[in-house]
Amino acid sequence: MSLTFELTILGTGSATPTLRRNPSAQVLNVREKLYLIDCGEGTQIALRKNKIKFQSIECVFISHLHGDHYLGLQGLLSTFGLLGRQKELHIYSPPGLEKITQLQFELSGSKATYPIHFHELTMDVHENIVENDHLNITAFPLKHRVPTYGFLFKEKKKLRHINGRVTKELSIPHYAFDKLKKGEDFIHPESGELFSYKALTLPADPSFSYAYCSDTAYMQKLKSIIKGVDLLYHESTFLHKDVILARKTKHSTAQQAATLAKEAEVKKLLLGHYSSRYPSLKLLLEEAKSIFDNTILTDDGDVFSLSKSDI
């Protein structure tokens, strides 16, 4: 099985699309399962440009119902139908998105040809919303002008690797491998001899984590939720010289994003959701790196792949 953990940035702009930047959208690929995070205008085109098989998208996570974060969704849902999608789709968002979507289908005289399941986010604390064989996904409330959520994607602990040379030498039966990989010792049924899983296996591959903090004012209390994540994407709409405007609109500055990254001891900070008021984003990066050095100024089309070498 592929151990892919890869984030593709589809849009890094804020409310106003530009020729260079689409509004917010990302795809996280975890072991070839695709998760779409926000879906601003132009997301379909961005998916095609980045050669992402969007029919493989299993879940969609919409942080909030400002247009630059969801107005591309209806077109994507319609395209799924035109392409003959039959696989069900799960959509997680604050309340209201199902009503909007159904009204658009109704007024256009169309309907989804595949099952769409809407899950409304209403919690006021962080809470697990999706769990499968390899991943836990948590939603947590942010501080914006409308109900808004961030998302935390954490891989479950992976299985250890069988040490083929040692197990062969000791004639360990194959039926014991599943338990050994889970970290359980093996007692030979005939001799009664106990074999430590540590002696018969090799360490598991690392498990990775990603936190997405969409539009939000600076929230120090998030540090306990996202502590130690491998990747943190945090909106950085403004330079800190415009912090009064940031507070008024409930957005963050690059300095505030970097401060949270440092306090949460994350491994890498990704900036995005830039205001179009700045002709150059160099100052945003400099501002953030003065506090948290391992900061990247993301651009549309950037891909971040995590592997053993990143640990």
C-alpha atoms as a PDB file:
ATOM      1  CA  MET A   1       0.000   0.000   0.000  1.00  0.00           C
ATOM      2  CA  SER A   2       1.228   3.477  -0.842  1.00  0.00           C
ATOM      3  CA  LEU A   3       2.247   5.513   2.199  1.00  0.00           C
ATOM      4  CA  THR A   4       1.653   8.833   0.471  1.00  0.00           C
ATOM      5  CA  PHE A   5       1.070  11.928   2.614  1.00  0.00           C
ATOM      6  CA  GLU A   6       0.964  14.823   0.172  1.00  0.00           C
ATOM      7  CA  LEU A   7      -0.645  18.253   0.208  1.00  0.00           C
ATOM      8  CA  THR A   8      -1.380  20.155  -3.015  1.00  0.00           C
ATOM      9  CA  ILE A   9      -2.196  23.845  -2.756  1.00  0.00           C
ATOM     10  CA  LEU A  10      -4.825  24.813  -5.327  1.00  0.00           C
ATOM     11  CA  GLY A  11      -5.535  28.393  -4.218  1.00  0.00           C
ATOM     12  CA  THR A  12      -3.705  30.872  -2.004  1.00  0.00           C
ATOM     13  CA  GLY A  13      -5.688  34.070  -2.580  1.00  0.00           C
ATOM     14  CA  SER A  14      -8.262  35.664  -0.321  1.00  0.00           C
ATOM     15  CA  ALA A  15     -11.677  37.079  -1.213  1.00  0.00           C
ATOM     16  CA  THR A  16     -10.736  38.548  -4.584  1.00  0.00           C
ATOM     17  CA  PRO A  17      -9.406  36.139  -7.249  1.00  0.00           C
ATOM     18  CA  THR A  18      -6.446  37.413  -9.254  1.00  0.00           C
ATOM     19  CA  LEU A  19      -4.735  36.284 -12.432  1.00  0.00           C
ATOM     20  CA  ARG A  20      -2.086  34.616 -10.286  1.00  0.00           C
ATOM     21  CA  ARG A  21      -4.074  33.200  -7.405  1.00  0.00           C
ATOM     22  CA  ASN A  22      -7.263  31.225  -7.002  1.00  0.00           C
ATOM     23  CA  PRO A  23      -9.279  31.451  -3.794  1.00  0.00           C
ATOM     24  CA  SER A  24      -8.801  28.836  -1.091  1.00  0.00           C
ATOM     25  CA  ALA A  25      -8.663  25.152  -2.007  1.00  0.00           C
ATOM     26  CA  GLN A  26      -6.332  22.266  -1.217  1.00  0.00           C
ATOM     27  CA  VAL A  27      -6.154  18.505  -1.686  1.00  0.00           C
ATOM     28  CA  LEU A  28      -4.593  16.206   0.881  1.00  0.00           C
ATOM     29  CA  ASN A  29      -3.598  12.768  -0.399  1.00  0.00           C
ATOM     30  CA  VAL A  30      -3.203  10.200   2.374  1.00  0.00           C
ATOM     31  CA  ARG A  31      -2.414   6.711   1.049  1.00  0.00           C
ATOM     32  CA  GLU A  32      -4.169   7.548  -2.245  1.00  0.00           C
ATOM     33  CA  LYS A  33      -7.358   8.677  -0.534  1.00  0.00           C
ATOM     34  CA  LEU A  34      -8.115  12.287  -1.495  1.00  0.00           C
ATOM     35  CA  TYR A  35      -9.580  14.933   0.812  1.00  0.00           C
ATOM     36  CA  LEU A  36     -10.615  18.319  -0.620  1.00  0.00           C
ATOM     37  CA  ILE A  37     -10.240  21.196   1.831  1.00  0.00           C
ATOM     38  CA  ASP A  38     -12.264  24.266   0.833  1.00  0.00           C
ATOM     39  CA  CYS A  39     -13.439  24.791  -2.736  1.00  0.00           C
ATOM     40  CA  GLY A  40     -13.231  28.370  -3.966  1.00  0.00           C
ATOM     41  CA  GLU A  41     -13.909  29.446  -7.543  1.00  0.00           C
ATOM     42  CA  GLY A  42     -11.635  27.806 -10.110  1.00  0.00           C
ATOM     43  CA  THR A  43     -11.047  24.665  -8.069  1.00  0.00           C
ATOM     44  CA  GLN A  44     -12.059  22.328 -10.918  1.00  0.00           C
ATOM     45  CA  ILE A  45      -9.567  23.927 -13.275  1.00  0.00           C
ATOM     46  CA  ALA A  46      -6.864  23.852 -10.615  1.00  0.00           C
ATOM     47  CA  LEU A  47      -7.516  20.152 -10.042  1.00  0.00           C
ATOM     48  CA  ARG A  48      -7.057  19.478 -13.752  1.00  0.00           C
ATOM     49  CA  LYS A  49      -3.926  21.620 -13.987  1.00  0.00           C
ATOM     50  CA  ASN A  50      -2.405  19.648 -11.140  1.00  0.00           C
ATOM     51  CA  LYS A  51      -3.446  16.315 -12.717  1.00  0.00           C
ATOM     52  CA  ILE A  52      -5.451  15.287  -9.663  1.00  0.00           C
ATOM     53  CA  LYS A  53      -8.009  12.543 -10.252  1.00  0.00           C
ATOM     54  CA  PHE A  54     -10.814  14.392  -8.558  1.00  0.00           C
ATOM     55  CA  GLN A  55     -13.264  11.542  -9.024  1.00  0.00           C
ATOM     56  CA  SER A  56     -11.183   9.944  -6.251  1.00  0.00           C
ATOM     57  CA  ILE A  57     -12.124  12.665  -3.755  1.00  0.00           C
ATOM     58  CA  GLU A  58     -13.821  10.933  -0.837  1.00  0.00           C
ATOM     59  CA  CYS A  59     -14.622  13.856   1.458  1.00  0.00           C
ATOM     60  CA  VAL A  60     -14.929  17.629   1.172  1.00  0.00           C
ATOM     61  CA  PHE A  61     -14.241  19.919   4.123  1.00  0.00           C
ATOM     62  CA  ILE A  62     -15.600  23.473   3.886  1.00  0.00           C
ATOM     63  CA  SER A  63     -14.240  25.744   6.606  1.00  0.00           C
ATOM     64  CA  HIS A  64     -16.982  28.385   6.383  1.00  0.00           C
ATOM     65  CA  LEU A  65     -19.574  29.860   4.083  1.00  0.00           C
ATOM     66  CA  HIS A  66     -17.745  32.867   2.714  1.00  0.00           C
ATOM     67  CA  GLY A  67     -17.779  32.648  -1.061  1.00  0.00           C
ATOM     68  CA  ASP A  68     -14.022  32.380  -1.567  1.00  0.00           C
ATOM     69  CA  HIS A  69     -14.120  29.091   0.319  1.00  0.00           C
ATOM     70  CA  TYR A  70     -17.078  27.279  -1.232  1.00  0.00           C
ATOM     71  CA  LEU A  71     -18.384  28.880  -4.454  1.00  0.00           C
ATOM     72  CA  GLY A  72     -16.550  26.338  -6.590  1.00  0.00           C
ATOM     73  CA  LEU A  73     -18.353  23.424  -4.978  1.00  0.00           C
ATOM     74  CA  GLN A  74     -21.597  23.415  -6.963  1.00  0.00           C
ATOM     75  CA  GLY A  75     -19.757  23.218 -10.260  1.00  0.00           C
ATOM     76  CA  LEU A  76     -17.601  20.397  -8.961  1.00  0.00           C
ATOM     77  CA  LEU A  77     -20.636  18.439  -7.770  1.00  0.00           C
ATOM     78  CA  SER A  78     -22.271  18.880 -11.187  1.00  0.00           C
ATOM     79  CA  THR A  79     -19.113  17.737 -12.975  1.00  0.00           C
ATOM     80  CA  PHE A  80     -19.002  14.614 -10.815  1.00  0.00           C
ATOM     81  CA  GLY A  81     -22.445  13.747 -12.177  1.00  0.00           C
ATOM     82  CA  LEU A  82     -21.481  14.477 -15.787  1.00  0.00           C
ATOM     83  CA  LEU A  83     -18.509  12.136 -15.392  1.00  0.00           C
ATOM     84  CA  GLY A  84     -20.762   9.354 -14.144  1.00  0.00           C
ATOM     85  CA  ARG A  85     -19.749   9.339 -10.523  1.00  0.00           C
ATOM     86  CA  GLN A  86     -21.525   6.684  -8.481  1.00  0.00           C
ATOM     87  CA  LYS A  87     -19.377   6.648  -5.345  1.00  0.00           C
ATOM     88  CA  GLU A  88     -20.853   8.500  -2.391  1.00  0.00           C
ATOM     89  CA  LEU A  89     -19.417  11.842  -1.287  1.00  0.00           C
ATOM     90  CA  HIS A  90     -19.259  13.194   2.258  1.00  0.00           C
ATOM     91  CA  ILE A  91     -19.268  16.966   2.820  1.00  0.00           C
ATOM     92  CA  TYR A  92     -18.439  18.538   6.186  1.00  0.00           C
ATOM     93  CA  SER A  93     -19.282  22.211   6.749  1.00  0.00           C
ATOM     94  CA  PRO A  94     -21.022  24.681   9.057  1.00  0.00           C
ATOM     95  CA  PRO A  95     -24.840  24.665   8.785  1.00  0.00           C
ATOM     96  CA  GLY A  96     -26.458  25.954   5.603  1.00  0.00           C
ATOM     97  CA  LEU A  97     -24.415  24.393   2.825  1.00  0.00           C
ATOM     98  CA  GLU A  98     -26.885  21.573   2.171  1.00  0.00           C
ATOM     99  CA  LYS A  99     -29.706  24.081   1.782  1.00  0.00           C
ATOM    100  CA  ILE A 100     -27.650  26.184  -0.649  1.00  0.00           C
ATOM    101  CA  THR A 101     -26.640  23.145  -2.679  1.00  0.00           C
ATOM    102  CA  GLN A 102     -30.129  21.683  -2.907  1.00  0.00           C
ATOM    103  CA  LEU A 103     -31.559  25.052  -3.985  1.00  0.00           C
ATOM    104  CA  GLN A 104     -28.992  25.334  -6.766  1.00  0.00           C
ATOM    105  CA  PHE A 105     -29.800  21.832  -7.987  1.00  0.00           C
ATOM    106  CA  GLU A 106     -33.517  22.588  -7.836  1.00  0.00           C
ATOM    107  CA  LEU A 107     -33.363  25.908  -9.698  1.00  0.00           C
ATOM    108  CA  SER A 108     -31.160  24.417 -12.413  1.00  0.00           C
ATOM    109  CA  GLY A 109     -33.560  21.513 -12.922  1.00  0.00           C
ATOM    110  CA  SER A 110     -30.925  18.955 -12.030  1.00  0.00           C
ATOM    111  CA  LYS A 111     -30.000  16.647  -9.197  1.00  0.00           C
ATOM    112  CA  ALA A 112     -27.044  14.636  -8.001  1.00  0.00           C
ATOM    113  CA  THR A 113     -26.764  11.204  -9.602  1.00  0.00           C
ATOM    114  CA  TYR A 114     -24.730   9.832  -6.687  1.00  0.00           C
ATOM    115  CA  PRO A 115     -25.233   9.927  -2.889  1.00  0.00           C
ATOM    116  CA  ILE A 116     -24.142  13.163  -1.189  1.00  0.00           C
ATOM    117  CA  HIS A 117     -24.030  13.120   2.604  1.00  0.00           C
ATOM    118  CA  PHE A 118     -23.884  16.486   4.376  1.00  0.00           C
ATOM    119  CA  HIS A 119     -22.469  16.661   7.893  1.00  0.00           C
ATOM    120  CA  GLU A 120     -23.084  19.923   9.759  1.00  0.00           C
ATOM    121  CA  LEU A 121     -20.372  21.151  12.091  1.00  0.00           C
ATOM    122  CA  THR A 122     -21.823  22.796  15.194  1.00  0.00           C
ATOM    123  CA  MET A 123     -19.379  21.861  17.958  1.00  0.00           C
ATOM    124  CA  ASP A 124     -17.756  24.537  20.112  1.00  0.00           C
ATOM    125  CA  VAL A 125     -14.752  22.371  21.022  1.00  0.00           C
ATOM    126  CA  HIS A 126     -12.443  20.273  18.875  1.00  0.00           C
ATOM    127  CA  GLU A 127     -14.037  16.967  17.979  1.00  0.00           C
ATOM    128  CA  ASN A 128     -13.281  13.925  15.841  1.00  0.00           C
ATOM    129  CA  ILE A 129     -15.486  13.936  12.735  1.00  0.00           C
ATOM    130  CA  VAL A 130     -13.957  11.211  10.519  1.00  0.00           C
ATOM    131  CA  GLU A 131     -12.105   8.028  11.340  1.00  0.00           C
ATOM    132  CA  ASN A 132     -10.984   5.319   8.954  1.00  0.00           C
ATOM    133  CA  ASP A 133      -8.282   2.654   8.885  1.00  0.00           C
ATOM    134  CA  HIS A 134      -5.436   5.110   8.540  1.00  0.00           C
ATOM    135  CA  LEU A 135      -6.595   8.555   9.613  1.00  0.00           C
ATOM    136  CA  ASN A 136      -8.359  10.599  12.276  1.00  0.00           C
ATOM    137  CA  ILE A 137      -9.807  13.962  11.193  1.00  0.00           C
ATOM    138  CA  THR A 138     -10.753  16.564  13.785  1.00  0.00           C
ATOM    139  CA  ALA A 139     -12.683  19.815  13.363  1.00  0.00           C
ATOM    140  CA  PHE A 140     -12.149  22.737  15.710  1.00  0.00           C
ATOM    141  CA  PRO A 141     -13.840  26.162  15.881  1.00  0.00           C
ATOM    142  CA  LEU A 142     -11.966  29.244  14.710  1.00  0.00           C
ATOM    143  CA  LYS A 143     -12.668  32.916  15.359  1.00  0.00           C
ATOM    144  CA  HIS A 144     -14.101  34.600  12.279  1.00  0.00           C
ATOM    145  CA  ARG A 145     -17.150  36.673  11.316  1.00  0.00           C
ATOM    146  CA  VAL A 146     -19.270  33.592  10.593  1.00  0.00           C
ATOM    147  CA  PRO A 147     -19.057  30.043  12.009  1.00  0.00           C
ATOM    148  CA  THR A 148     -15.678  28.736  10.847  1.00  0.00           C
ATOM    149  CA  TYR A 149     -13.715  25.546  11.453  1.00  0.00           C
ATOM    150  CA  GLY A 150     -10.175  24.366  11.092  1.00  0.00           C
ATOM    151  CA  PHE A 151      -9.275  20.760  10.386  1.00  0.00           C
ATOM    152  CA  LEU A 152      -6.595  18.470  11.778  1.00  0.00           C
ATOM    153  CA  PHE A 153      -5.561  15.351   9.862  1.00  0.00           C
ATOM    154  CA  LYS A 154      -3.557  12.821  11.902  1.00  0.00           C
ATOM    155  CA  GLU A 155      -2.356   9.497  10.610  1.00  0.00           C
ATOM    156  CA  LYS A 156      -2.850   6.584  12.926  1.00  0.00           C
ATOM    157  CA  LYS A 157       0.173   4.712  14.182  1.00  0.00           C
ATOM    158  CA  LYS A 158       1.487   2.495  11.405  1.00  0.00           C
ATOM    159  CA  LEU A 159       2.335  -1.185  11.705  1.00  0.00           C
ATOM    160  CA  ARG A 160       5.876  -2.329  12.368  1.00  0.00           C
ATOM    161  CA  HIS A 161       7.815  -4.162   9.651  1.00  0.00           C
ATOM    162  CA  ILE A 162       8.579  -7.877   9.874  1.00  0.00           C
ATOM    163  CA  ASN A 163      12.318  -8.612   9.997  1.00  0.00           C
ATOM    164  CA  GLY A 164      12.298 -11.357   7.377  1.00  0.00           C
ATOM    165  CA  ARG A 165      15.845 -12.525   8.033  1.00  0.00           C
ATOM    166  CA  VAL A 166      15.291 -13.047  11.754  1.00  0.00           C
ATOM    167  CA  THR A 167      11.822 -14.600  11.489  1.00  0.00           C
ATOM    168  CA  LYS A 168      13.127 -17.033   8.886  1.00  0.00           C
ATOM    169  CA  GLU A 169      16.101 -18.030  11.032  1.00  0.00           C
ATOM    170  CA  LEU A 170      13.816 -18.646  14.015  1.00  0.00           C
ATOM    171  CA  SER A 171      11.109 -20.361  11.913  1.00  0.00           C
ATOM    172  CA  ILE A 172       8.409 -17.966  13.124  1.00  0.00           C
ATOM    173  CA  PRO A 173       5.103 -18.968  11.462  1.00  0.00           C
ATOM    174  CA  HIS A 174       3.430 -16.459   9.154  1.00  0.00           C
ATOM    175  CA  TYR A 175       0.217 -16.452  11.168  1.00  0.00           C
ATOM    176  CA  ALA A 176       2.118 -14.634  13.942  1.00  0.00           C
ATOM    177  CA  PHE A 177       3.086 -11.720  11.706  1.00  0.00           C
ATOM    178  CA  ASP A 178      -0.102  -9.689  12.134  1.00  0.00           C
ATOM    179  CA  LYS A 179       0.263  -9.556  15.918  1.00  0.00           C
ATOM    180  CA  LEU A 180       3.981  -8.897  15.737  1.00  0.00           C
ATOM    181  CA  LYS A 181       3.406  -5.935  13.423  1.00  0.00           C
ATOM    182  CA  LYS A 182       0.945  -4.541  15.970  1.00  0.00           C
ATOM    183  CA  GLY A 183       3.622  -4.697  18.674  1.00  0.00           C
ATOM    184  CA  GLU A 184       2.518  -7.901  20.387  1.00  0.00           C
ATOM    185  CA  ASP A 185       4.980 -10.576  21.528  1.00  0.00           C
ATOM    186  CA  PHE A 186       4.706 -14.123  20.170  1.00  0.00           C
ATOM    187  CA  ILE A 187       4.590 -17.265  22.298  1.00  0.00           C
ATOM    188  CA  HIS A 188       5.428 -20.386  20.312  1.00  0.00           C
ATOM    189  CA  PRO A 189       2.535 -22.870  20.795  1.00  0.00           C
ATOM    190  CA  GLU A 190       4.820 -25.911  20.851  1.00  0.00           C
ATOM    191  CA  SER A 191       7.887 -24.807  22.799  1.00  0.00           C
ATOM    192  CA  GLY A 192       6.217 -22.117  24.884  1.00  0.00           C
ATOM    193  CA  GLU A 193       9.151 -19.851  24.122  1.00  0.00           C
ATOM    194  CA  LEU A 194       8.380 -16.111  24.149  1.00  0.00           C
ATOM    195  CA  PHE A 195       9.705 -13.984  21.307  1.00  0.00           C
ATOM    196  CA  SER A 196       9.730 -10.215  21.716  1.00  0.00           C
ATOM    197  CA  TYR A 197       8.135  -8.279  18.873  1.00  0.00           C
ATOM    198  CA  LYS A 198      11.085  -5.884  19.044  1.00  0.00           C
ATOM    199  CA  ALA A 199      13.467  -8.686  18.137  1.00  0.00           C
ATOM    200  CA  LEU A 200      11.325  -9.882  15.232  1.00  0.00           C
ATOM    201  CA  THR A 201      10.284  -6.581  13.685  1.00  0.00           C
ATOM    202  CA  LEU A 202      11.657  -3.270  12.510  1.00  0.00           C
ATOM    203  CA  PRO A 203      10.255   0.137  13.519  1.00  0.00           C
ATOM    204  CA  ALA A 204       7.107   1.387  11.802  1.00  0.00           C
ATOM    205  CA  ASP A 205       7.216   4.183   9.272  1.00  0.00           C
ATOM    206  CA  PRO A 206       6.461   7.598  10.790  1.00  0.00           C
ATOM    207  CA  SER A 207       2.903   8.863  10.949  1.00  0.00           C
ATOM    208  CA  PHE A 208       2.278  12.427   9.778  1.00  0.00           C
ATOM    209  CA  SER A 209      -0.115  15.223  10.651  1.00  0.00           C
ATOM    210  CA  TYR A 210      -1.492  18.338   8.979  1.00  0.00           C
ATOM    211  CA  ALA A 211      -3.496  21.241  10.410  1.00  0.00           C
ATOM    212  CA  TYR A 212      -5.509  23.682   8.292  1.00  0.00           C
ATOM    213  CA  CYS A 213      -6.381  26.993   9.936  1.00  0.00           C
ATOM    214  CA  SER A 214      -8.632  28.882   7.599  1.00  0.00           C
ATOM    215  CA  ASP A 215      -9.871  32.454   8.125  1.00  0.00           C
ATOM    216  CA  THR A 216      -9.426  33.327  11.772  1.00  0.00           C
ATOM    217  CA  ALA A 217      -8.254  35.922  14.214  1.00  0.00           C
ATOM    218  CA  TYR A 218      -5.172  34.928  16.190  1.00  0.00           C
ATOM    219  CA  MET A 219      -6.091  32.213  18.710  1.00  0.00           C
ATOM    220  CA  GLN A 220      -3.379  31.242  21.153  1.00  0.00           C
ATOM    221  CA  LYS A 221      -5.512  28.414  22.525  1.00  0.00           C
ATOM    222  CA  LEU A 222      -5.131  26.559  19.215  1.00  0.00           C
ATOM    223  CA  LYS A 223      -1.587  25.635  20.194  1.00  0.00           C
ATOM    224  CA  SER A 224      -2.804  22.715  22.311  1.00  0.00           C
ATOM    225  CA  ILE A 225      -4.879  21.337  19.406  1.00  0.00           C
ATOM    226  CA  ILE A 226      -2.219  21.553  16.697  1.00  0.00           C
ATOM    227  CA  LYS A 227       0.826  20.996  18.900  1.00  0.00           C
ATOM    228  CA  GLY A 228       3.715  19.343  17.079  1.00  0.00           C
ATOM    229  CA  VAL A 229       2.034  18.852  13.700  1.00  0.00           C
ATOM    230  CA  ASP A 230       4.309  18.246  10.743  1.00  0.00           C
ATOM    231  CA  LEU A 231       2.583  20.863   8.578  1.00  0.00           C
ATOM    232  CA  LEU A 232       0.517  23.854   9.610  1.00  0.00           C
ATOM    233  CA  TYR A 233      -1.314  25.976   7.036  1.00  0.00           C
ATOM    234  CA  HIS A 234      -2.387  29.218   8.666  1.00  0.00           C
ATOM    235  CA  GLU A 235      -4.010  32.162   6.970  1.00  0.00           C
ATOM    236  CA  SER A 236      -1.784  35.258   6.787  1.00  0.00           C
ATOM    237  CA  THR A 237      -4.035  37.799   5.142  1.00  0.00           C
ATOM    238  CA  PHE A 238      -2.216  40.887   6.409  1.00  0.00           C
ATOM    239  CA  LEU A 239       1.131  42.331   7.381  1.00  0.00           C
ATOM    240  CA  HIS A 240       1.326  43.216  11.050  1.00  0.00           C
ATOM    241  CA  LYS A 241       1.322  46.915  10.254  1.00  0.00           C
ATOM    242  CA  ASP A 242      -2.333  46.306   9.317  1.00  0.00           C
ATOM    243  CA  VAL A 243      -3.137  44.436  12.538  1.00  0.00           C
ATOM    244  CA  ILE A 244      -6.033  46.811  13.340  1.00  0.00           C
ATOM    245  CA  LEU A 245      -7.684  45.829  10.059  1.00  0.00           C
ATOM    246  CA  ALA A 246      -6.942  42.181  10.820  1.00  0.00           C
ATOM    247  CA  ARG A 247      -8.714  42.464  14.166  1.00  0.00           C
ATOM    248  CA  LYS A 248     -11.672  44.252  12.611  1.00  0.00           C
ATOM    249  CA  THR A 249     -12.138  41.603   9.923  1.00  0.00           C
ATOM    250  CA  LYS A 250     -11.127  38.710  12.216  1.00  0.00           C
ATOM    251  CA  HIS A 251      -8.134  37.689  10.151  1.00  0.00           C
ATOM    252  CA  SER A 252      -4.493  37.089  11.051  1.00  0.00           C
ATOM    253  CA  THR A 253      -1.171  38.645  10.203  1.00  0.00           C
ATOM    254  CA  ALA A 254       1.914  36.731   9.087  1.00  0.00           C
ATOM    255  CA  GLN A 255       3.491  37.587  12.431  1.00  0.00           C
ATOM    256  CA  GLN A 256       0.569  36.065  14.316  1.00  0.00           C
ATOM    257  CA  ALA A 257       0.638  32.909  12.186  1.00  0.00           C
ATOM    258  CA  ALA A 258       4.340  32.510  12.945  1.00  0.00           C
ATOM    259  CA  THR A 259       3.793  33.146  16.649  1.00  0.00           C
ATOM    260  CA  LEU A 260       1.235  30.339  16.807  1.00  0.00           C
ATOM    261  CA  ALA A 261       3.549  28.014  14.867  1.00  0.00           C
ATOM    262  CA  LYS A 262       6.344  28.698  17.342  1.00  0.00           C
ATOM    263  CA  GLU A 263       4.121  28.293  20.401  1.00  0.00           C
ATOM    264  CA  ALA A 264       2.650  25.055  19.039  1.00  0.00           C
ATOM    265  CA  GLU A 265       6.112  23.711  18.152  1.00  0.00           C
ATOM    266  CA  VAL A 266       5.017  22.704  14.666  1.00  0.00           C
ATOM    267  CA  LYS A 267       7.631  21.492  12.216  1.00  0.00           C
ATOM    268  CA  LYS A 268       6.742  23.636   9.182  1.00  0.00           C
ATOM    269  CA  LEU A 269       4.474  26.636   8.642  1.00  0.00           C
ATOM    270  CA  LEU A 270       2.719  27.297   5.345  1.00  0.00           C
ATOM    271  CA  LEU A 271       1.392  30.819   4.776  1.00  0.00           C
ATOM    272  CA  GLY A 272      -1.583  31.569   2.526  1.00  0.00           C
ATOM    273  CA  HIS A 273      -4.846  33.469   1.989  1.00  0.00           C
ATOM    274  CA  TYR A 274      -3.033  36.660   1.065  1.00  0.00           C
ATOM    275  CA  SER A 275      -4.761  40.002   0.667  1.00  0.00           C
ATOM    276  CA  SER A 276      -4.522  41.320  -2.883  1.00  0.00           C
ATOM    277  CA  ARG A 277      -3.540  44.738  -1.465  1.00  0.00           C
ATOM    278  CA  TYR A 278       0.123  43.691  -1.351  1.00  0.00           C
ATOM    279  CA  PRO A 279       1.952  43.833  -4.709  1.00  0.00           C
ATOM    280  CA  SER A 280       4.765  41.732  -3.228  1.00  0.00           C
ATOM    281  CA  LEU A 281       4.485  39.072  -0.538  1.00  0.00           C
ATOM    282  CA  LYS A 282       8.150  39.156   0.380  1.00  0.00           C
ATOM    283  CA  LEU A 283       7.461  41.225   3.487  1.00  0.00           C
ATOM    284  CA  LEU A 284       4.905  38.659   4.715  1.00  0.00           C
ATOM    285  CA  LEU A 285       7.548  35.946   4.523  1.00  0.00           C
ATOM    286  CA  GLU A 286      10.203  38.076   6.194  1.00  0.00           C
ATOM    287  CA  GLU A 287       7.804  38.989   8.978  1.00  0.00           C
ATOM    288  CA  ALA A 288       6.957  35.351   9.673  1.00  0.00           C
ATOM    289  CA  LYS A 289      10.532  34.018   9.384  1.00  0.00           C
ATOM    290  CA  SER A 290      11.755  36.541  11.947  1.00  0.00           C
ATOM    291  CA  ILE A 291       9.708  34.548  14.480  1.00  0.00           C
ATOM    292  CA  PHE A 292       9.507  31.055  12.975  1.00  0.00           C
ATOM    293  CA  ASP A 293      12.262  30.283  10.510  1.00  0.00           C
ATOM    294  CA  ASN A 294      10.790  27.162   8.913  1.00  0.00           C
ATOM    295  CA  THR A 295       8.095  29.141   7.112  1.00  0.00           C
ATOM    296  CA  ILE A 296       7.087  28.830   3.450  1.00  0.00           C
ATOM    297  CA  LEU A 297       5.173  31.326   1.368  1.00  0.00           C
ATOM    298  CA  THR A 298       2.846  29.004  -0.540  1.00  0.00           C
ATOM    299  CA  ASP A 299       1.822  29.504  -4.143  1.00  0.00           C
ATOM    300  CA  ASP A 300      -0.895  27.925  -6.264  1.00  0.00           C
ATOM    301  CA  GLY A 301       0.313  24.535  -7.452  1.00  0.00           C
ATOM    302  CA  ASP A 302       2.807  23.930  -4.633  1.00  0.00           C
ATOM    303  CA  VAL A 303       3.072  20.316  -3.487  1.00  0.00           C
ATOM    304  CA  PHE A 304       4.362  19.237  -0.082  1.00  0.00           C
ATOM    305  CA  SER A 305       5.176  15.541   0.289  1.00  0.00           C
ATOM    306  CA  LEU A 306       6.162  14.093   3.637  1.00  0.00           C
ATOM    307  CA  SER A 307       8.341  11.004   3.922  1.00  0.00           C
ATOM    308  CA  LYS A 308      10.786   9.322   6.307  1.00  0.00           C
ATOM    309  CA  SER A 309      13.455  11.831   5.326  1.00  0.00           C
ATOM    310  CA  ASP A 310      11.358  14.649   6.803  1.00  0.00           C
ATOM    311  CA  ILE A 311      11.608  13.240  10.312  1.00  0.00           C
END
